[in-house]
């Protein structure tokens, strides 16, 4: 059952399928988005993203892969740091294989 908050209806974690989560996660990642952007896109609370991501990474570990890290723009970096520049630094790096 969805819960209402500020006239917006949130979905439960169980309402988000693995395919839907990964598809939307990758769209947000390639757009340079944040966990907050992903939560909004999926219609869930920000706090719900972390267990979904962790659960997905746990399953993907069996295939020796993991979700890329979303840009943490909600953190306070200081006025000298441009978030777009940080995102470009990450995008230009080759994939890291564990």
PDB file of N, CA and C in Angstrom:
ATOM      1  N   UNK A   1       0.838  -1.175   0.000  1.00  0.00           N
ATOM      2  CA  UNK A   1       0.000   0.000   0.000  1.00  0.00           C
ATOM      3  C   UNK A   1       0.886   1.242   0.000  1.00  0.00           C
ATOM      4  N   UNK A   2       0.576   2.203  -0.828  1.00  0.00           N
ATOM      5  CA  UNK A   2       1.353   3.433  -0.931  1.00  0.00           C
ATOM      6  C   UNK A   2       1.005   4.378   0.209  1.00  0.00           C
ATOM      7  N   UNK A   3       1.990   5.161   0.628  1.00  0.00           N
ATOM      8  CA  UNK A   3       1.777   6.138   1.685  1.00  0.00           C
ATOM      9  C   UNK A   3       1.815   7.532   1.087  1.00  0.00           C
ATOM     10  N   UNK A   4       0.978   8.427   1.645  1.00  0.00           N
ATOM     11  CA  UNK A   4       0.934   9.795   1.157  1.00  0.00           C
ATOM     12  C   UNK A   4       1.822  10.690   1.995  1.00  0.00           C
ATOM     13  N   UNK A   5       2.487  11.611   1.331  1.00  0.00           N
ATOM     14  CA  UNK A   5       3.307  12.612   1.996  1.00  0.00           C
ATOM     15  C   UNK A   5       3.241  13.873   1.151  1.00  0.00           C
ATOM     16  N   UNK A   6       2.730  14.941   1.721  1.00  0.00           N
ATOM     17  CA  UNK A   6       2.608  16.210   0.990  1.00  0.00           C
ATOM     18  C   UNK A   6       1.862  16.046  -0.324  1.00  0.00           C
ATOM     19  N   UNK A   7       0.756  15.339  -0.287  1.00  0.00           N
ATOM     20  CA  UNK A   7      -0.095  15.115  -1.457  1.00  0.00           C
ATOM     21  C   UNK A   7       0.587  14.339  -2.583  1.00  0.00           C
ATOM     22  N   UNK A   8       1.654  13.627  -2.265  1.00  0.00           N
ATOM     23  CA  UNK A   8       2.332  12.780  -3.245  1.00  0.00           C
ATOM     24  C   UNK A   8       2.271  11.359  -2.723  1.00  0.00           C
ATOM     25  N   UNK A   9       1.885  10.430  -3.548  1.00  0.00           N
ATOM     26  CA  UNK A   9       1.760   9.052  -3.113  1.00  0.00           C
ATOM     27  C   UNK A   9       3.046   8.292  -3.414  1.00  0.00           C
ATOM     28  N   UNK A  10       3.672   7.766  -2.348  1.00  0.00           N
ATOM     29  CA  UNK A  10       4.905   7.006  -2.499  1.00  0.00           C
ATOM     30  C   UNK A  10       4.591   5.529  -2.660  1.00  0.00           C
ATOM     31  N   UNK A  11       5.427   4.837  -3.420  1.00  0.00           N
ATOM     32  CA  UNK A  11       5.311   3.396  -3.603  1.00  0.00           C
ATOM     33  C   UNK A  11       6.143   2.692  -2.540  1.00  0.00           C
ATOM     34  N   UNK A  12       5.844   1.435  -2.313  1.00  0.00           N
ATOM     35  CA  UNK A  12       6.673   0.637  -1.407  1.00  0.00           C
ATOM     36  C   UNK A  12       7.841   0.058  -2.200  1.00  0.00           C
ATOM     37  N   UNK A  13       8.891  -0.346  -1.488  1.00  0.00           N
ATOM     38  CA  UNK A  13      10.048  -0.962  -2.156  1.00  0.00           C
ATOM     39  C   UNK A  13       9.638  -2.177  -2.970  1.00  0.00           C
ATOM     40  N   UNK A  14       8.722  -2.959  -2.447  1.00  0.00           N
ATOM     41  CA  UNK A  14       8.324  -4.186  -3.131  1.00  0.00           C
ATOM     42  C   UNK A  14       7.564  -3.911  -4.429  1.00  0.00           C
ATOM     43  N   UNK A  15       7.084  -2.692  -4.614  1.00  0.00           N
ATOM     44  CA  UNK A  15       6.380  -2.344  -5.851  1.00  0.00           C
ATOM     45  C   UNK A  15       7.342  -2.031  -6.994  1.00  0.00           C
ATOM     46  N   UNK A  16       8.627  -1.881  -6.669  1.00  0.00           N
ATOM     47  CA  UNK A  16       9.639  -1.567  -7.679  1.00  0.00           C
ATOM     48  C   UNK A  16      10.314  -2.869  -8.109  1.00  0.00           C
ATOM     49  N   UNK A  17      10.187  -3.224  -9.386  1.00  0.00           N
ATOM     50  CA  UNK A  17      10.818  -4.455  -9.876  1.00  0.00           C
ATOM     51  C   UNK A  17      12.307  -4.214 -10.090  1.00  0.00           C
ATOM     52  N   UNK A  18      13.073  -5.283 -10.109  1.00  0.00           N
ATOM     53  CA  UNK A  18      14.524  -5.190 -10.320  1.00  0.00           C
ATOM     54  C   UNK A  18      14.825  -4.555 -11.679  1.00  0.00           C
ATOM     55  N   UNK A  19      14.090  -4.954 -12.696  1.00  0.00           N
ATOM     56  CA  UNK A  19      14.313  -4.404 -14.041  1.00  0.00           C
ATOM     57  C   UNK A  19      14.010  -2.910 -14.054  1.00  0.00           C
ATOM     58  N   UNK A  20      12.898  -2.531 -13.454  1.00  0.00           N
ATOM     59  CA  UNK A  20      12.522  -1.118 -13.394  1.00  0.00           C
ATOM     60  C   UNK A  20      13.581  -0.319 -12.630  1.00  0.00           C
ATOM     61  N   UNK A  21      14.062  -0.872 -11.526  1.00  0.00           N
ATOM     62  CA  UNK A  21      15.068  -0.183 -10.724  1.00  0.00           C
ATOM     63  C   UNK A  21      16.350   0.022 -11.519  1.00  0.00           C
ATOM     64  N   UNK A  22      16.858  -1.033 -12.151  1.00  0.00           N
ATOM     65  CA  UNK A  22      18.122  -0.937 -12.893  1.00  0.00           C
ATOM     66  C   UNK A  22      17.974  -0.016 -14.099  1.00  0.00           C
ATOM     67  N   UNK A  23      16.886  -0.131 -14.836  1.00  0.00           N
ATOM     68  CA  UNK A  23      16.686   0.752 -16.004  1.00  0.00           C
ATOM     69  C   UNK A  23      16.698   2.218 -15.580  1.00  0.00           C
ATOM     70  N   UNK A  24      15.947   2.542 -14.555  1.00  0.00           N
ATOM     71  CA  UNK A  24      15.875   3.924 -14.091  1.00  0.00           C
ATOM     72  C   UNK A  24      17.182   4.376 -13.452  1.00  0.00           C
ATOM     73  N   UNK A  25      17.843   3.484 -12.735  1.00  0.00           N
ATOM     74  CA  UNK A  25      19.133   3.794 -12.128  1.00  0.00           C
ATOM     75  C   UNK A  25      20.130   4.208 -13.207  1.00  0.00           C
ATOM     76  N   UNK A  26      20.201   3.438 -14.286  1.00  0.00           N
ATOM     77  CA  UNK A  26      21.166   3.739 -15.354  1.00  0.00           C
ATOM     78  C   UNK A  26      20.814   5.032 -16.093  1.00  0.00           C
ATOM     79  N   UNK A  27      19.543   5.314 -16.264  1.00  0.00           N
ATOM     80  CA  UNK A  27      19.127   6.578 -16.877  1.00  0.00           C
ATOM     81  C   UNK A  27      19.597   7.740 -16.015  1.00  0.00           C
ATOM     82  N   UNK A  28      19.361   7.645 -14.715  1.00  0.00           N
ATOM     83  CA  UNK A  28      19.773   8.710 -13.788  1.00  0.00           C
ATOM     84  C   UNK A  28      21.297   8.815 -13.751  1.00  0.00           C
ATOM     85  N   UNK A  29      21.983   7.678 -13.741  1.00  0.00           N
ATOM     86  CA  UNK A  29      23.455   7.679 -13.720  1.00  0.00           C
ATOM     87  C   UNK A  29      24.016   8.395 -14.945  1.00  0.00           C
ATOM     88  N   UNK A  30      23.528   8.042 -16.127  1.00  0.00           N
ATOM     89  CA  UNK A  30      24.035   8.652 -17.360  1.00  0.00           C
ATOM     90  C   UNK A  30      23.676  10.131 -17.478  1.00  0.00           C
ATOM     91  N   UNK A  31      22.642  10.546 -16.773  1.00  0.00           N
ATOM     92  CA  UNK A  31      22.258  11.962 -16.764  1.00  0.00           C
ATOM     93  C   UNK A  31      23.027  12.741 -15.694  1.00  0.00           C
ATOM     94  N   UNK A  32      23.877  12.037 -14.924  1.00  0.00           N
ATOM     95  CA  UNK A  32      24.624  12.708 -13.867  1.00  0.00           C
ATOM     96  C   UNK A  32      23.754  13.005 -12.661  1.00  0.00           C
ATOM     97  N   UNK A  33      22.744  12.186 -12.438  1.00  0.00           N
ATOM     98  CA  UNK A  33      21.795  12.417 -11.360  1.00  0.00           C
ATOM     99  C   UNK A  33      22.214  11.849 -10.020  1.00  0.00           C
ATOM    100  N   UNK A  34      21.342  12.046  -9.053  1.00  0.00           N
ATOM    101  CA  UNK A  34      21.591  11.653  -7.673  1.00  0.00           C
ATOM    102  C   UNK A  34      20.587  10.594  -7.224  1.00  0.00           C
ATOM    103  N   UNK A  35      20.797  10.072  -6.026  1.00  0.00           N
ATOM    104  CA  UNK A  35      19.821   9.149  -5.438  1.00  0.00           C
ATOM    105  C   UNK A  35      18.465   9.832  -5.291  1.00  0.00           C
ATOM    106  N   UNK A  36      18.498  11.125  -5.008  1.00  0.00           N
ATOM    107  CA  UNK A  36      17.254  11.899  -4.876  1.00  0.00           C
ATOM    108  C   UNK A  36      16.500  11.931  -6.211  1.00  0.00           C
ATOM    109  N   UNK A  37      17.238  12.103  -7.310  1.00  0.00           N
ATOM    110  CA  UNK A  37      16.629  12.083  -8.643  1.00  0.00           C
ATOM    111  C   UNK A  37      16.014  10.712  -8.933  1.00  0.00           C
ATOM    112  N   UNK A  38      16.732   9.669  -8.535  1.00  0.00           N
ATOM    113  CA  UNK A  38      16.236   8.313  -8.757  1.00  0.00           C
ATOM    114  C   UNK A  38      14.971   8.057  -7.955  1.00  0.00           C
ATOM    115  N   UNK A  39      14.963   8.502  -6.710  1.00  0.00           N
ATOM    116  CA  UNK A  39      13.779   8.328  -5.864  1.00  0.00           C
ATOM    117  C   UNK A  39      12.566   9.015  -6.482  1.00  0.00           C
ATOM    118  N   UNK A  40      12.777  10.219  -6.957  1.00  0.00           N
ATOM    119  CA  UNK A  40      11.678  10.969  -7.581  1.00  0.00           C
ATOM    120  C   UNK A  40      11.181  10.245  -8.832  1.00  0.00           C
ATOM    121  N   UNK A  41      12.111   9.750  -9.621  1.00  0.00           N
ATOM    122  CA  UNK A  41      11.763   9.065 -10.868  1.00  0.00           C
ATOM    123  C   UNK A  41      10.956   7.787 -10.594  1.00  0.00           C
ATOM    124  N   UNK A  42      11.314   7.078  -9.519  1.00  0.00           N
ATOM    125  CA  UNK A  42      10.626   5.826  -9.182  1.00  0.00           C
ATOM    126  C   UNK A  42       9.380   6.038  -8.328  1.00  0.00           C
ATOM    127  N   UNK A  43       9.230   7.245  -7.778  1.00  0.00           N
ATOM    128  CA  UNK A  43       8.080   7.527  -6.920  1.00  0.00           C
ATOM    129  C   UNK A  43       8.197   6.894  -5.548  1.00  0.00           C
ATOM    130  N   UNK A  44       9.444   6.824  -5.037  1.00  0.00           N
ATOM    131  CA  UNK A  44       9.684   6.288  -3.702  1.00  0.00           C
ATOM    132  C   UNK A  44      10.412   7.334  -2.867  1.00  0.00           C
ATOM    133  N   UNK A  45      10.476   7.102  -1.557  1.00  0.00           N
ATOM    134  CA  UNK A  45      11.211   8.010  -0.684  1.00  0.00           C
ATOM    135  C   UNK A  45      12.708   7.789  -0.859  1.00  0.00           C
ATOM    136  N   UNK A  46      13.491   8.841  -0.639  1.00  0.00           N
ATOM    137  CA  UNK A  46      14.937   8.755  -0.767  1.00  0.00           C
ATOM    138  C   UNK A  46      15.503   7.619   0.082  1.00  0.00           C
ATOM    139  N   UNK A  47      14.998   7.455   1.294  1.00  0.00           N
ATOM    140  CA  UNK A  47      15.501   6.419   2.197  1.00  0.00           C
ATOM    141  C   UNK A  47      15.265   5.005   1.647  1.00  0.00           C
ATOM    142  N   UNK A  48      14.348   4.866   0.705  1.00  0.00           N
ATOM    143  CA  UNK A  48      14.066   3.554   0.121  1.00  0.00           C
ATOM    144  C   UNK A  48      15.086   3.168  -0.950  1.00  0.00           C
ATOM    145  N   UNK A  49      15.783   4.143  -1.486  1.00  0.00           N
ATOM    146  CA  UNK A  49      16.733   3.874  -2.566  1.00  0.00           C
ATOM    147  C   UNK A  49      17.908   3.042  -2.067  1.00  0.00           C
ATOM    148  N   UNK A  50      18.413   3.347  -0.887  1.00  0.00           N
ATOM    149  CA  UNK A  50      19.620   2.683  -0.390  1.00  0.00           C
ATOM    150  C   UNK A  50      19.450   1.172  -0.225  1.00  0.00           C
ATOM    151  N   UNK A  51      18.379   0.688   0.406  1.00  0.00           N
ATOM    152  CA  UNK A  51      18.236  -0.777   0.488  1.00  0.00           C
ATOM    153  C   UNK A  51      17.989  -1.414  -0.883  1.00  0.00           C
ATOM    154  N   UNK A  52      17.290  -0.720  -1.773  1.00  0.00           N
ATOM    155  CA  UNK A  52      17.086  -1.249  -3.124  1.00  0.00           C
ATOM    156  C   UNK A  52      18.422  -1.383  -3.848  1.00  0.00           C
ATOM    157  N   UNK A  53      19.260  -0.368  -3.736  1.00  0.00           N
ATOM    158  CA  UNK A  53      20.581  -0.394  -4.374  1.00  0.00           C
ATOM    159  C   UNK A  53      21.449  -1.495  -3.770  1.00  0.00           C
ATOM    160  N   UNK A  54      21.450  -1.586  -2.442  1.00  0.00           N
ATOM    161  CA  UNK A  54      22.279  -2.589  -1.775  1.00  0.00           C
ATOM    162  C   UNK A  54      21.839  -4.003  -2.132  1.00  0.00           C
ATOM    163  N   UNK A  55      20.527  -4.220  -2.160  1.00  0.00           N
ATOM    164  CA  UNK A  55      19.994  -5.535  -2.516  1.00  0.00           C
ATOM    165  C   UNK A  55      20.351  -5.887  -3.967  1.00  0.00           C
ATOM    166  N   UNK A  56      20.248  -4.903  -4.867  1.00  0.00           N
ATOM    167  CA  UNK A  56      20.578  -5.129  -6.274  1.00  0.00           C
ATOM    168  C   UNK A  56      22.059  -5.451  -6.424  1.00  0.00           C
ATOM    169  N   UNK A  57      22.925  -4.694  -5.742  1.00  0.00           N
ATOM    170  CA  UNK A  57      24.368  -4.959  -5.813  1.00  0.00           C
ATOM    171  C   UNK A  57      24.716  -6.329  -5.259  1.00  0.00           C
ATOM    172  N   UNK A  58      24.011  -6.765  -4.235  1.00  0.00           N
ATOM    173  CA  UNK A  58      24.263  -8.083  -3.648  1.00  0.00           C
ATOM    174  C   UNK A  58      23.974  -9.179  -4.683  1.00  0.00           C
ATOM    175  N   UNK A  59      22.885  -9.027  -5.421  1.00  0.00           N
ATOM    176  CA  UNK A  59      22.525  -9.996  -6.454  1.00  0.00           C
ATOM    177  C   UNK A  59      23.516  -9.931  -7.619  1.00  0.00           C
ATOM    178  N   UNK A  60      23.899  -8.722  -8.019  1.00  0.00           N
ATOM    179  CA  UNK A  60      24.819  -8.546  -9.144  1.00  0.00           C
ATOM    180  C   UNK A  60      26.227  -9.060  -8.834  1.00  0.00           C
ATOM    181  N   UNK A  61      26.573  -9.111  -7.558  1.00  0.00           N
ATOM    182  CA  UNK A  61      27.907  -9.570  -7.155  1.00  0.00           C
ATOM    183  C   UNK A  61      28.171 -10.989  -7.661  1.00  0.00           C
ATOM    184  N   UNK A  62      27.142 -11.810  -7.745  1.00  0.00           N
ATOM    185  CA  UNK A  62      27.289 -13.174  -8.253  1.00  0.00           C
ATOM    186  C   UNK A  62      27.757 -13.182  -9.703  1.00  0.00           C
ATOM    187  N   UNK A  63      27.470 -12.090 -10.419  1.00  0.00           N
ATOM    188  CA  UNK A  63      27.896 -11.958 -11.813  1.00  0.00           C
ATOM    189  C   UNK A  63      29.118 -11.046 -11.939  1.00  0.00           C
ATOM    190  N   UNK A  64      29.773 -10.779 -10.808  1.00  0.00           N
ATOM    191  CA  UNK A  64      30.987  -9.974 -10.761  1.00  0.00           C
ATOM    192  C   UNK A  64      30.794  -8.569 -11.339  1.00  0.00           C
ATOM    193  N   UNK A  65      29.678  -7.949 -10.987  1.00  0.00           N
ATOM    194  CA  UNK A  65      29.412  -6.576 -11.426  1.00  0.00           C
ATOM    195  C   UNK A  65      28.667  -5.849 -10.324  1.00  0.00           C
ATOM    196  N   UNK A  66      28.515  -4.542 -10.484  1.00  0.00           N
ATOM    197  CA  UNK A  66      27.760  -3.742  -9.522  1.00  0.00           C
ATOM    198  C   UNK A  66      27.280  -2.464 -10.201  1.00  0.00           C
ATOM    199  N   UNK A  67      26.307  -1.824  -9.579  1.00  0.00           N
ATOM    200  CA  UNK A  67      25.789  -0.565 -10.106  1.00  0.00           C
ATOM    201  C   UNK A  67      26.854   0.519  -9.952  1.00  0.00           C
ATOM    202  N   UNK A  68      26.955   1.428 -10.923  1.00  0.00           N
ATOM    203  CA  UNK A  68      27.874   2.550 -10.750  1.00  0.00           C
ATOM    204  C   UNK A  68      27.341   3.480  -9.661  1.00  0.00           C
ATOM    205  N   UNK A  69      28.215   4.273  -9.086  1.00  0.00           N
ATOM    206  CA  UNK A  69      27.832   5.179  -8.004  1.00  0.00           C
ATOM    207  C   UNK A  69      27.207   6.445  -8.586  1.00  0.00           C
ATOM    208  N   UNK A  70      26.069   6.850  -8.036  1.00  0.00           N
ATOM    209  CA  UNK A  70      25.431   8.094  -8.459  1.00  0.00           C
ATOM    210  C   UNK A  70      26.165   9.279  -7.842  1.00  0.00           C
ATOM    211  N   UNK A  71      26.090  10.421  -8.485  1.00  0.00           N
ATOM    212  CA  UNK A  71      26.768  11.629  -8.028  1.00  0.00           C
ATOM    213  C   UNK A  71      26.115  12.136  -6.737  1.00  0.00           C
ATOM    214  N   UNK A  72      26.903  12.318  -5.672  1.00  0.00           N
ATOM    215  CA  UNK A  72      26.337  12.760  -4.393  1.00  0.00           C
ATOM    216  C   UNK A  72      26.225  14.277  -4.293  1.00  0.00           C
ATOM    217  N   UNK A  73      25.405  14.919  -5.126  1.00  0.00           N
ATOM    218  CA  UNK A  73      25.318  16.380  -5.132  1.00  0.00           C
ATOM    219  C   UNK A  73      24.641  16.957  -3.902  1.00  0.00           C
ATOM    220  N   UNK A  74      23.995  16.134  -3.095  1.00  0.00           N
ATOM    221  CA  UNK A  74      23.337  16.651  -1.906  1.00  0.00           C
ATOM    222  C   UNK A  74      24.328  16.981  -0.791  1.00  0.00           C
ATOM    223  N   UNK A  75      25.538  16.489  -0.910  1.00  0.00           N
ATOM    224  CA  UNK A  75      26.546  16.767   0.110  1.00  0.00           C
ATOM    225  C   UNK A  75      27.113  18.171  -0.084  1.00  0.00           C
ATOM    226  N   UNK A  76      27.653  18.736   0.980  1.00  0.00           N
ATOM    227  CA  UNK A  76      28.250  20.070   0.925  1.00  0.00           C
ATOM    228  C   UNK A  76      29.719  19.935   0.533  1.00  0.00           C
ATOM    229  N   UNK A  77      30.053  20.308  -0.703  1.00  0.00           N
ATOM    230  CA  UNK A  77      31.425  20.210  -1.183  1.00  0.00           C
ATOM    231  C   UNK A  77      32.183  21.521  -1.019  1.00  0.00           C
ATOM    232  N   UNK A  78      31.490  22.598  -0.919  1.00  0.00           N
ATOM    233  CA  UNK A  78      32.155  23.891  -0.896  1.00  0.00           C
ATOM    234  C   UNK A  78      31.932  24.600  -2.215  1.00  0.00           C
ATOM    235  N   UNK A  79      32.156  25.881  -2.227  1.00  0.00           N
ATOM    236  CA  UNK A  79      31.828  26.688  -3.407  1.00  0.00           C
ATOM    237  C   UNK A  79      32.804  26.516  -4.561  1.00  0.00           C
ATOM    238  N   UNK A  80      33.972  25.929  -4.307  1.00  0.00           N
ATOM    239  CA  UNK A  80      34.970  25.808  -5.380  1.00  0.00           C
ATOM    240  C   UNK A  80      34.728  24.611  -6.289  1.00  0.00           C
ATOM    241  N   UNK A  81      33.856  23.705  -5.905  1.00  0.00           N
ATOM    242  CA  UNK A  81      33.693  22.464  -6.653  1.00  0.00           C
ATOM    243  C   UNK A  81      32.407  22.499  -7.475  1.00  0.00           C
ATOM    244  N   UNK A  82      32.553  22.212  -8.755  1.00  0.00           N
ATOM    245  CA  UNK A  82      31.440  22.175  -9.692  1.00  0.00           C
ATOM    246  C   UNK A  82      30.979  20.724  -9.834  1.00  0.00           C
ATOM    247  N   UNK A  83      29.718  20.460  -9.577  1.00  0.00           N
ATOM    248  CA  UNK A  83      29.192  19.100  -9.610  1.00  0.00           C
ATOM    249  C   UNK A  83      29.305  18.500 -11.009  1.00  0.00           C
ATOM    250  N   UNK A  84      29.075  19.292 -12.038  1.00  0.00           N
ATOM    251  CA  UNK A  84      29.192  18.794 -13.415  1.00  0.00           C
ATOM    252  C   UNK A  84      30.618  18.341 -13.691  1.00  0.00           C
ATOM    253  N   UNK A  85      31.594  19.070 -13.162  1.00  0.00           N
ATOM    254  CA  UNK A  85      32.998  18.708 -13.334  1.00  0.00           C
ATOM    255  C   UNK A  85      33.282  17.359 -12.655  1.00  0.00           C
ATOM    256  N   UNK A  86      32.725  17.177 -11.463  1.00  0.00           N
ATOM    257  CA  UNK A  86      32.890  15.899 -10.763  1.00  0.00           C
ATOM    258  C   UNK A  86      32.282  14.758 -11.586  1.00  0.00           C
ATOM    259  N   UNK A  87      31.103  15.000 -12.123  1.00  0.00           N
ATOM    260  CA  UNK A  87      30.427  13.972 -12.921  1.00  0.00           C
ATOM    261  C   UNK A  87      31.258  13.616 -14.146  1.00  0.00           C
ATOM    262  N   UNK A  88      31.839  14.620 -14.808  1.00  0.00           N
ATOM    263  CA  UNK A  88      32.675  14.365 -15.985  1.00  0.00           C
ATOM    264  C   UNK A  88      33.915  13.557 -15.617  1.00  0.00           C
ATOM    265  N   UNK A  89      34.494  13.831 -14.447  1.00  0.00           N
ATOM    266  CA  UNK A  89      35.655  13.067 -13.996  1.00  0.00           C
ATOM    267  C   UNK A  89      35.307  11.589 -13.884  1.00  0.00           C
ATOM    268  N   UNK A  90      34.134  11.312 -13.361  1.00  0.00           N
ATOM    269  CA  UNK A  90      33.718   9.923 -13.175  1.00  0.00           C
ATOM    270  C   UNK A  90      33.387   9.274 -14.511  1.00  0.00           C
ATOM    271  N   UNK A  91      32.690   9.989 -15.362  1.00  0.00           N
ATOM    272  CA  UNK A  91      32.292   9.424 -16.661  1.00  0.00           C
ATOM    273  C   UNK A  91      33.497   9.101 -17.533  1.00  0.00           C
ATOM    274  N   UNK A  92      34.571   9.856 -17.411  1.00  0.00           N
ATOM    275  CA  UNK A  92      35.747   9.665 -18.256  1.00  0.00           C
ATOM    276  C   UNK A  92      36.652   8.539 -17.771  1.00  0.00           C
ATOM    277  N   UNK A  93      36.388   8.021 -16.583  1.00  0.00           N
ATOM    278  CA  UNK A  93      37.192   6.935 -16.038  1.00  0.00           C
ATOM    279  C   UNK A  93      36.738   5.610 -16.627  1.00  0.00           C
ATOM    280  N   UNK A  94      37.672   4.699 -16.884  1.00  0.00           N
ATOM    281  CA  UNK A  94      37.253   3.364 -17.342  1.00  0.00           C
ATOM    282  C   UNK A  94      36.519   2.646 -16.217  1.00  0.00           C
ATOM    283  N   UNK A  95      35.663   1.692 -16.560  1.00  0.00           N
ATOM    284  CA  UNK A  95      34.931   0.964 -15.523  1.00  0.00           C
ATOM    285  C   UNK A  95      35.893   0.241 -14.582  1.00  0.00           C
ATOM    286  N   UNK A  96      35.508   0.192 -13.323  1.00  0.00           N
ATOM    287  CA  UNK A  96      36.325  -0.486 -12.318  1.00  0.00           C
ATOM    288  C   UNK A  96      35.753  -1.886 -12.124  1.00  0.00           C
ATOM    289  N   UNK A  97      36.595  -2.870 -12.298  1.00  0.00           N
ATOM    290  CA  UNK A  97      36.183  -4.255 -12.102  1.00  0.00           C
ATOM    291  C   UNK A  97      36.788  -4.753 -10.811  1.00  0.00           C
ATOM    292  N   UNK A  98      35.945  -5.312  -9.979  1.00  0.00           N
ATOM    293  CA  UNK A  98      36.447  -5.849  -8.700  1.00  0.00           C
ATOM    294  C   UNK A  98      37.120  -7.175  -8.894  1.00  0.00           C
TER     295      UNK A  98
END
